[in-house]
Amino acid sequence: MFESLVNLFFPKVCMGCNSFLLNNEITICTVCRHEIPLTNHHLNEENEAKMKFYGKIPVEFVATFLYFNKKGIVQELIHNLKYRGHQEIGTAIGNWFVEDLKNNKIIQTVDEVIPVPLHKKRLKNRGYNQVTTFAKTISENLGLVYNDEILSRNIYSTTQVYKNLLGRTSVSSATFGVTFSEKNHNKHFLLVDDVLTTGATLEACARELLKIPGAKVSIVCMALSH
């Protein structure tokens, strides 16, 4: 009863198109779910996302879920998640994506889910890491350990949104650090981020994780930007 009254005066809207949600819709309306461009990377292990890392770092599996296009639905979703505090979007996309991931044989060998970390200053300013709900939803659905302590971001930098392509492809090797013990040896880590653009940030993170003896790294992201 109370929830119905709340919805009456403060109706929930779709995070993709801002239209009112129906009673059976959560976070993203049915129309947007049908219009959102899916990558289907999980169906092809040698996909365009994995190609970004060829000859750079060894990765077991790479997949993104959605295509990120300027002024599109996915951009609106990511901006609502990243800059407007709507962390429920990460949960919604995670629940959607995990249905594709859970039957993948490589993903079934993963031990821990690792979110790409924010610098402490940015985390304080924003109040949350936009990857957290997405990564936690994947870890919970797959029954995996969620570990946000093993990787750290040591260098504070301006947001990628305002960088050109050259800026995005140059991530210092000192930007990230890894802290591990023997219990982390020989594990398969699933590195998680929001949008894969050039892959420079994920490459830097993966290099740190691969310093762990016997480590393997796979990567999943919410979206792929062209």
C-alpha atoms as a PDB file:
ATOM      1  CA  MET A   1       0.000   0.000   0.000  1.00  0.00           C
ATOM      2  CA  PHE A   2       2.709   2.451   1.073  1.00  0.00           C
ATOM      3  CA  GLU A   3       4.845   1.589  -1.970  1.00  0.00           C
ATOM      4  CA  SER A   4       1.856   2.186  -4.249  1.00  0.00           C
ATOM      5  CA  LEU A   5       1.346   5.643  -2.734  1.00  0.00           C
ATOM      6  CA  VAL A   6       5.037   6.457  -3.151  1.00  0.00           C
ATOM      7  CA  ASN A   7       4.920   5.389  -6.801  1.00  0.00           C
ATOM      8  CA  LEU A   8       1.803   7.490  -7.295  1.00  0.00           C
ATOM      9  CA  PHE A   9       3.467  10.709  -6.158  1.00  0.00           C
ATOM     10  CA  PHE A  10       7.033   9.805  -7.161  1.00  0.00           C
ATOM     11  CA  PRO A  11       6.688   7.499 -10.175  1.00  0.00           C
ATOM     12  CA  LYS A  12       9.739   5.511 -11.188  1.00  0.00           C
ATOM     13  CA  VAL A  13      11.185   6.253 -14.594  1.00  0.00           C
ATOM     14  CA  CYS A  14      13.331   4.313 -17.035  1.00  0.00           C
ATOM     15  CA  MET A  15      17.034   5.115 -16.691  1.00  0.00           C
ATOM     16  CA  GLY A  16      17.427   4.828 -20.462  1.00  0.00           C
ATOM     17  CA  CYS A  17      14.629   6.996 -21.840  1.00  0.00           C
ATOM     18  CA  ASN A  18      13.046   8.685 -18.788  1.00  0.00           C
ATOM     19  CA  SER A  19       9.578   7.259 -19.516  1.00  0.00           C
ATOM     20  CA  PHE A  20       7.431   5.983 -16.639  1.00  0.00           C
ATOM     21  CA  LEU A  21       8.055   2.356 -15.698  1.00  0.00           C
ATOM     22  CA  LEU A  22       5.205  -0.139 -15.628  1.00  0.00           C
ATOM     23  CA  ASN A  23       4.605  -2.208 -12.496  1.00  0.00           C
ATOM     24  CA  ASN A  24       6.520  -5.194 -13.869  1.00  0.00           C
ATOM     25  CA  GLU A  25       9.493  -3.146 -15.115  1.00  0.00           C
ATOM     26  CA  ILE A  26      12.663  -2.519 -13.112  1.00  0.00           C
ATOM     27  CA  THR A  27      15.176   0.274 -13.847  1.00  0.00           C
ATOM     28  CA  ILE A  28      15.082  -0.195 -17.645  1.00  0.00           C
ATOM     29  CA  CYS A  29      11.789  -0.268 -19.559  1.00  0.00           C
ATOM     30  CA  THR A  30      10.850  -3.057 -21.953  1.00  0.00           C
ATOM     31  CA  VAL A  31      11.123  -0.782 -24.983  1.00  0.00           C
ATOM     32  CA  CYS A  32      14.713   0.184 -24.117  1.00  0.00           C
ATOM     33  CA  ARG A  33      15.619  -3.446 -23.443  1.00  0.00           C
ATOM     34  CA  HIS A  34      14.524  -4.294 -26.977  1.00  0.00           C
ATOM     35  CA  GLU A  35      16.292  -1.300 -28.543  1.00  0.00           C
ATOM     36  CA  ILE A  36      19.605  -1.524 -26.671  1.00  0.00           C
ATOM     37  CA  PRO A  37      22.336  -2.841 -29.001  1.00  0.00           C
ATOM     38  CA  LEU A  38      23.837  -6.063 -27.608  1.00  0.00           C
ATOM     39  CA  THR A  39      27.355  -7.177 -28.545  1.00  0.00           C
ATOM     40  CA  ASN A  40      26.834 -10.956 -28.078  1.00  0.00           C
ATOM     41  CA  HIS A  41      30.557 -11.259 -27.363  1.00  0.00           C
ATOM     42  CA  HIS A  42      29.910 -14.308 -25.198  1.00  0.00           C
ATOM     43  CA  LEU A  43      29.092 -16.239 -28.392  1.00  0.00           C
ATOM     44  CA  ASN A  44      32.489 -15.569 -29.967  1.00  0.00           C
ATOM     45  CA  GLU A  45      35.606 -15.782 -27.797  1.00  0.00           C
ATOM     46  CA  GLU A  46      37.736 -14.137 -30.525  1.00  0.00           C
ATOM     47  CA  ASN A  47      35.611 -11.000 -30.535  1.00  0.00           C
ATOM     48  CA  GLU A  48      36.362  -7.317 -31.144  1.00  0.00           C
ATOM     49  CA  ALA A  49      36.774  -6.604 -27.427  1.00  0.00           C
ATOM     50  CA  LYS A  50      39.429  -9.277 -26.976  1.00  0.00           C
ATOM     51  CA  MET A  51      41.250  -8.019 -30.067  1.00  0.00           C
ATOM     52  CA  LYS A  52      42.047  -4.790 -28.206  1.00  0.00           C
ATOM     53  CA  PHE A  53      44.457  -6.776 -26.030  1.00  0.00           C
ATOM     54  CA  TYR A  54      46.138  -8.888 -28.718  1.00  0.00           C
ATOM     55  CA  GLY A  55      49.911  -8.629 -28.504  1.00  0.00           C
ATOM     56  CA  LYS A  56      49.692  -6.580 -25.292  1.00  0.00           C
ATOM     57  CA  ILE A  57      48.687  -8.863 -22.439  1.00  0.00           C
ATOM     58  CA  PRO A  58      47.528 -12.475 -22.188  1.00  0.00           C
ATOM     59  CA  VAL A  59      43.811 -12.617 -21.368  1.00  0.00           C
ATOM     60  CA  GLU A  60      41.674 -15.717 -21.127  1.00  0.00           C
ATOM     61  CA  PHE A  61      38.338 -14.166 -22.065  1.00  0.00           C
ATOM     62  CA  VAL A  62      37.016 -10.680 -22.846  1.00  0.00           C
ATOM     63  CA  ALA A  63      33.401  -9.656 -23.330  1.00  0.00           C
ATOM     64  CA  THR A  64      31.289  -6.550 -23.139  1.00  0.00           C
ATOM     65  CA  PHE A  65      27.503  -6.591 -23.030  1.00  0.00           C
ATOM     66  CA  LEU A  66      26.252  -3.438 -24.778  1.00  0.00           C
ATOM     67  CA  TYR A  67      27.412  -1.071 -27.513  1.00  0.00           C
ATOM     68  CA  PHE A  68      28.005   2.475 -26.286  1.00  0.00           C
ATOM     69  CA  ASN A  69      27.038   5.086 -28.884  1.00  0.00           C
ATOM     70  CA  LYS A  70      26.940   8.832 -28.368  1.00  0.00           C
ATOM     71  CA  LYS A  71      23.456  10.137 -27.530  1.00  0.00           C
ATOM     72  CA  GLY A  72      22.138   6.575 -27.352  1.00  0.00           C
ATOM     73  CA  ILE A  73      20.306   4.663 -24.632  1.00  0.00           C
ATOM     74  CA  VAL A  74      23.486   3.068 -23.298  1.00  0.00           C
ATOM     75  CA  GLN A  75      25.194   6.436 -22.909  1.00  0.00           C
ATOM     76  CA  GLU A  76      22.221   7.639 -20.875  1.00  0.00           C
ATOM     77  CA  LEU A  77      22.383   4.524 -18.696  1.00  0.00           C
ATOM     78  CA  ILE A  78      26.115   4.872 -18.062  1.00  0.00           C
ATOM     79  CA  HIS A  79      25.844   8.598 -17.320  1.00  0.00           C
ATOM     80  CA  ASN A  80      22.959   7.984 -14.897  1.00  0.00           C
ATOM     81  CA  LEU A  81      25.065   5.333 -13.173  1.00  0.00           C
ATOM     82  CA  LYS A  82      28.375   7.187 -13.164  1.00  0.00           C
ATOM     83  CA  TYR A  83      27.426  10.795 -12.533  1.00  0.00           C
ATOM     84  CA  ARG A  84      23.859  10.825 -11.168  1.00  0.00           C
ATOM     85  CA  GLY A  85      24.068   8.223  -8.441  1.00  0.00           C
ATOM     86  CA  HIS A  86      21.787   5.566  -9.942  1.00  0.00           C
ATOM     87  CA  GLN A  87      23.749   2.531  -8.816  1.00  0.00           C
ATOM     88  CA  GLU A  88      20.752   0.285  -9.438  1.00  0.00           C
ATOM     89  CA  ILE A  89      21.690   0.419 -13.131  1.00  0.00           C
ATOM     90  CA  GLY A  90      24.800  -1.648 -12.406  1.00  0.00           C
ATOM     91  CA  THR A  91      22.644  -4.241 -10.695  1.00  0.00           C
ATOM     92  CA  ALA A  92      20.166  -4.358 -13.598  1.00  0.00           C
ATOM     93  CA  ILE A  93      22.862  -4.736 -16.252  1.00  0.00           C
ATOM     94  CA  GLY A  94      24.718  -7.272 -14.118  1.00  0.00           C
ATOM     95  CA  ASN A  95      21.621  -9.454 -13.696  1.00  0.00           C
ATOM     96  CA  TRP A  96      20.995  -9.250 -17.430  1.00  0.00           C
ATOM     97  CA  PHE A  97      24.583  -9.960 -18.502  1.00  0.00           C
ATOM     98  CA  VAL A  98      25.183 -12.827 -16.081  1.00  0.00           C
ATOM     99  CA  GLU A  99      22.606 -14.933 -17.915  1.00  0.00           C
ATOM    100  CA  ASP A 100      25.007 -14.938 -20.877  1.00  0.00           C
ATOM    101  CA  LEU A 101      28.117 -15.471 -18.761  1.00  0.00           C
ATOM    102  CA  LYS A 102      27.088 -18.262 -16.427  1.00  0.00           C
ATOM    103  CA  ASN A 103      27.329 -21.054 -19.018  1.00  0.00           C
ATOM    104  CA  ASN A 104      30.687 -19.950 -20.433  1.00  0.00           C
ATOM    105  CA  LYS A 105      33.334 -22.589 -19.712  1.00  0.00           C
ATOM    106  CA  ILE A 106      36.125 -20.051 -19.208  1.00  0.00           C
ATOM    107  CA  ILE A 107      34.054 -17.944 -16.809  1.00  0.00           C
ATOM    108  CA  GLN A 108      33.291 -21.108 -14.861  1.00  0.00           C
ATOM    109  CA  THR A 109      37.000 -21.303 -13.954  1.00  0.00           C
ATOM    110  CA  VAL A 110      37.103 -17.797 -12.438  1.00  0.00           C
ATOM    111  CA  ASP A 111      37.935 -17.520  -8.727  1.00  0.00           C
ATOM    112  CA  GLU A 112      37.476 -13.834  -7.888  1.00  0.00           C
ATOM    113  CA  VAL A 113      35.792 -10.749  -9.309  1.00  0.00           C
ATOM    114  CA  ILE A 114      37.938  -7.581  -9.236  1.00  0.00           C
ATOM    115  CA  PRO A 115      36.459  -4.122  -9.942  1.00  0.00           C
ATOM    116  CA  VAL A 116      38.664  -1.489 -11.565  1.00  0.00           C
ATOM    117  CA  PRO A 117      39.386   0.799  -8.590  1.00  0.00           C
ATOM    118  CA  LEU A 118      38.882   4.529  -8.248  1.00  0.00           C
ATOM    119  CA  HIS A 119      41.490   6.789  -6.683  1.00  0.00           C
ATOM    120  CA  LYS A 120      40.644   7.568  -3.031  1.00  0.00           C
ATOM    121  CA  LYS A 121      40.107  11.243  -3.891  1.00  0.00           C
ATOM    122  CA  ARG A 122      37.630  10.469  -6.677  1.00  0.00           C
ATOM    123  CA  LEU A 123      35.884   7.873  -4.524  1.00  0.00           C
ATOM    124  CA  LYS A 124      35.457  10.476  -1.786  1.00  0.00           C
ATOM    125  CA  ASN A 125      34.145  13.088  -4.230  1.00  0.00           C
ATOM    126  CA  ARG A 126      31.736  10.751  -6.025  1.00  0.00           C
ATOM    127  CA  GLY A 127      30.804   8.705  -2.989  1.00  0.00           C
ATOM    128  CA  TYR A 128      30.849   5.360  -4.787  1.00  0.00           C
ATOM    129  CA  ASN A 129      32.617   3.346  -7.461  1.00  0.00           C
ATOM    130  CA  GLN A 130      30.250   3.053 -10.437  1.00  0.00           C
ATOM    131  CA  VAL A 131      31.501  -0.482 -11.107  1.00  0.00           C
ATOM    132  CA  THR A 132      30.680  -1.846  -7.655  1.00  0.00           C
ATOM    133  CA  THR A 133      27.038  -2.889  -8.075  1.00  0.00           C
ATOM    134  CA  PHE A 134      27.723  -4.419 -11.498  1.00  0.00           C
ATOM    135  CA  ALA A 135      30.728  -6.396 -10.208  1.00  0.00           C
ATOM    136  CA  LYS A 136      28.974  -7.502  -7.014  1.00  0.00           C
ATOM    137  CA  THR A 137      25.914  -8.662  -8.943  1.00  0.00           C
ATOM    138  CA  ILE A 138      28.093 -10.801 -11.204  1.00  0.00           C
ATOM    139  CA  SER A 139      30.049 -12.237  -8.261  1.00  0.00           C
ATOM    140  CA  GLU A 140      26.887 -13.040  -6.287  1.00  0.00           C
ATOM    141  CA  ASN A 141      25.111 -14.673  -9.216  1.00  0.00           C
ATOM    142  CA  LEU A 142      28.145 -16.772 -10.117  1.00  0.00           C
ATOM    143  CA  GLY A 143      28.989 -17.617  -6.502  1.00  0.00           C
ATOM    144  CA  LEU A 144      32.413 -15.967  -6.708  1.00  0.00           C
ATOM    145  CA  VAL A 145      34.504 -13.961  -4.249  1.00  0.00           C
ATOM    146  CA  TYR A 146      34.262 -10.182  -4.682  1.00  0.00           C
ATOM    147  CA  ASN A 147      37.660  -8.606  -3.975  1.00  0.00           C
ATOM    148  CA  ASP A 148      38.021  -4.823  -4.072  1.00  0.00           C
ATOM    149  CA  GLU A 149      41.215  -4.719  -1.999  1.00  0.00           C
ATOM    150  CA  ILE A 150      43.787  -6.421  -4.202  1.00  0.00           C
ATOM    151  CA  LEU A 151      44.007  -3.573  -6.768  1.00  0.00           C
ATOM    152  CA  SER A 152      44.537   0.096  -5.972  1.00  0.00           C
ATOM    153  CA  ARG A 153      44.722   3.269  -8.070  1.00  0.00           C
ATOM    154  CA  ASN A 154      47.768   5.284  -7.059  1.00  0.00           C
ATOM    155  CA  ILE A 155      47.566   8.254  -9.427  1.00  0.00           C
ATOM    156  CA  TYR A 156      44.661  10.667  -9.576  1.00  0.00           C
ATOM    157  CA  SER A 157      43.756  11.725 -13.101  1.00  0.00           C
ATOM    158  CA  THR A 158      40.994  13.642 -14.834  1.00  0.00           C
ATOM    159  CA  THR A 159      38.010  11.623 -16.021  1.00  0.00           C
ATOM    160  CA  GLN A 160      38.304   9.786 -19.345  1.00  0.00           C
ATOM    161  CA  VAL A 161      35.256  11.647 -20.672  1.00  0.00           C
ATOM    162  CA  TYR A 162      37.330  14.765 -21.270  1.00  0.00           C
ATOM    163  CA  LYS A 163      40.344  13.020 -22.796  1.00  0.00           C
ATOM    164  CA  ASN A 164      41.050  12.564 -26.479  1.00  0.00           C
ATOM    165  CA  LEU A 165      42.074   9.212 -27.939  1.00  0.00           C
ATOM    166  CA  LEU A 166      45.775   9.839 -27.333  1.00  0.00           C
ATOM    167  CA  GLY A 167      45.118  10.630 -23.695  1.00  0.00           C
ATOM    168  CA  ARG A 168      43.073   7.490 -23.242  1.00  0.00           C
ATOM    169  CA  THR A 169      45.790   5.273 -24.701  1.00  0.00           C
ATOM    170  CA  SER A 170      48.472   6.504 -22.291  1.00  0.00           C
ATOM    171  CA  VAL A 171      48.008   5.076 -18.801  1.00  0.00           C
ATOM    172  CA  SER A 172      51.150   5.163 -16.687  1.00  0.00           C
ATOM    173  CA  SER A 173      52.437   1.834 -15.414  1.00  0.00           C
ATOM    174  CA  ALA A 174      52.472   3.422 -11.958  1.00  0.00           C
ATOM    175  CA  THR A 175      48.762   4.299 -12.065  1.00  0.00           C
ATOM    176  CA  PHE A 176      47.708   1.038 -10.428  1.00  0.00           C
ATOM    177  CA  GLY A 177      49.213  -1.231  -7.819  1.00  0.00           C
ATOM    178  CA  VAL A 178      48.563  -4.743  -6.572  1.00  0.00           C
ATOM    179  CA  THR A 179      48.764  -6.116  -3.035  1.00  0.00           C
ATOM    180  CA  PHE A 180      48.728  -9.882  -2.685  1.00  0.00           C
ATOM    181  CA  SER A 181      49.824 -12.834  -0.591  1.00  0.00           C
ATOM    182  CA  GLU A 182      50.363 -16.513  -1.254  1.00  0.00           C
ATOM    183  CA  LYS A 183      46.618 -17.160  -0.953  1.00  0.00           C
ATOM    184  CA  ASN A 184      46.138 -15.176  -4.165  1.00  0.00           C
ATOM    185  CA  HIS A 185      48.555 -17.322  -6.185  1.00  0.00           C
ATOM    186  CA  ASN A 186      47.287 -19.420  -9.100  1.00  0.00           C
ATOM    187  CA  LYS A 187      43.900 -17.733  -9.274  1.00  0.00           C
ATOM    188  CA  HIS A 188      41.797 -16.709 -12.247  1.00  0.00           C
ATOM    189  CA  PHE A 189      40.640 -13.108 -11.807  1.00  0.00           C
ATOM    190  CA  LEU A 190      37.663 -11.537 -13.566  1.00  0.00           C
ATOM    191  CA  LEU A 191      38.475  -7.832 -14.024  1.00  0.00           C
ATOM    192  CA  VAL A 192      35.340  -5.678 -14.298  1.00  0.00           C
ATOM    193  CA  ASP A 193      34.810  -2.134 -15.630  1.00  0.00           C
ATOM    194  CA  ASP A 194      32.022   0.022 -17.017  1.00  0.00           C
ATOM    195  CA  VAL A 195      33.049   1.002 -20.583  1.00  0.00           C
ATOM    196  CA  LEU A 196      35.824  -0.479 -22.704  1.00  0.00           C
ATOM    197  CA  THR A 197      37.248   2.166 -25.044  1.00  0.00           C
ATOM    198  CA  THR A 198      40.933   1.737 -25.917  1.00  0.00           C
ATOM    199  CA  GLY A 199      41.549  -0.815 -23.190  1.00  0.00           C
ATOM    200  CA  ALA A 200      44.483   1.131 -21.710  1.00  0.00           C
ATOM    201  CA  THR A 201      43.093   1.211 -18.164  1.00  0.00           C
ATOM    202  CA  LEU A 202      42.158  -2.463 -18.177  1.00  0.00           C
ATOM    203  CA  GLU A 203      45.535  -3.376 -19.647  1.00  0.00           C
ATOM    204  CA  ALA A 204      47.299  -1.528 -16.824  1.00  0.00           C
ATOM    205  CA  CYS A 205      45.130  -3.281 -14.219  1.00  0.00           C
ATOM    206  CA  ALA A 206      45.650  -6.691 -15.811  1.00  0.00           C
ATOM    207  CA  ARG A 207      49.434  -6.186 -15.842  1.00  0.00           C
ATOM    208  CA  GLU A 208      49.318  -5.679 -12.086  1.00  0.00           C
ATOM    209  CA  LEU A 209      47.219  -8.787 -11.505  1.00  0.00           C
ATOM    210  CA  LEU A 210      49.526 -10.829 -13.717  1.00  0.00           C
ATOM    211  CA  LYS A 211      52.394 -10.038 -11.337  1.00  0.00           C
ATOM    212  CA  ILE A 212      50.780 -12.573  -9.015  1.00  0.00           C
ATOM    213  CA  PRO A 213      52.401 -16.016  -9.529  1.00  0.00           C
ATOM    214  CA  GLY A 214      50.195 -18.287 -11.616  1.00  0.00           C
ATOM    215  CA  ALA A 215      47.506 -15.633 -12.144  1.00  0.00           C
ATOM    216  CA  LYS A 216      45.116 -15.584 -15.087  1.00  0.00           C
ATOM    217  CA  VAL A 217      42.915 -12.652 -16.091  1.00  0.00           C
ATOM    218  CA  SER A 218      39.590 -12.345 -17.894  1.00  0.00           C
ATOM    219  CA  ILE A 219      37.713  -9.098 -18.514  1.00  0.00           C
ATOM    220  CA  VAL A 220      34.044  -8.135 -18.685  1.00  0.00           C
ATOM    221  CA  CYS A 221      32.554  -4.655 -19.115  1.00  0.00           C
ATOM    222  CA  MET A 222      29.081  -3.222 -19.330  1.00  0.00           C
ATOM    223  CA  ALA A 223      29.687  -1.626 -22.715  1.00  0.00           C
ATOM    224  CA  LEU A 224      32.049  -1.243 -25.658  1.00  0.00           C
ATOM    225  CA  SER A 225      32.633   2.215 -27.078  1.00  0.00           C
ATOM    226  CA  HIS A 226      33.566   2.546 -30.750  1.00  0.00           C
END
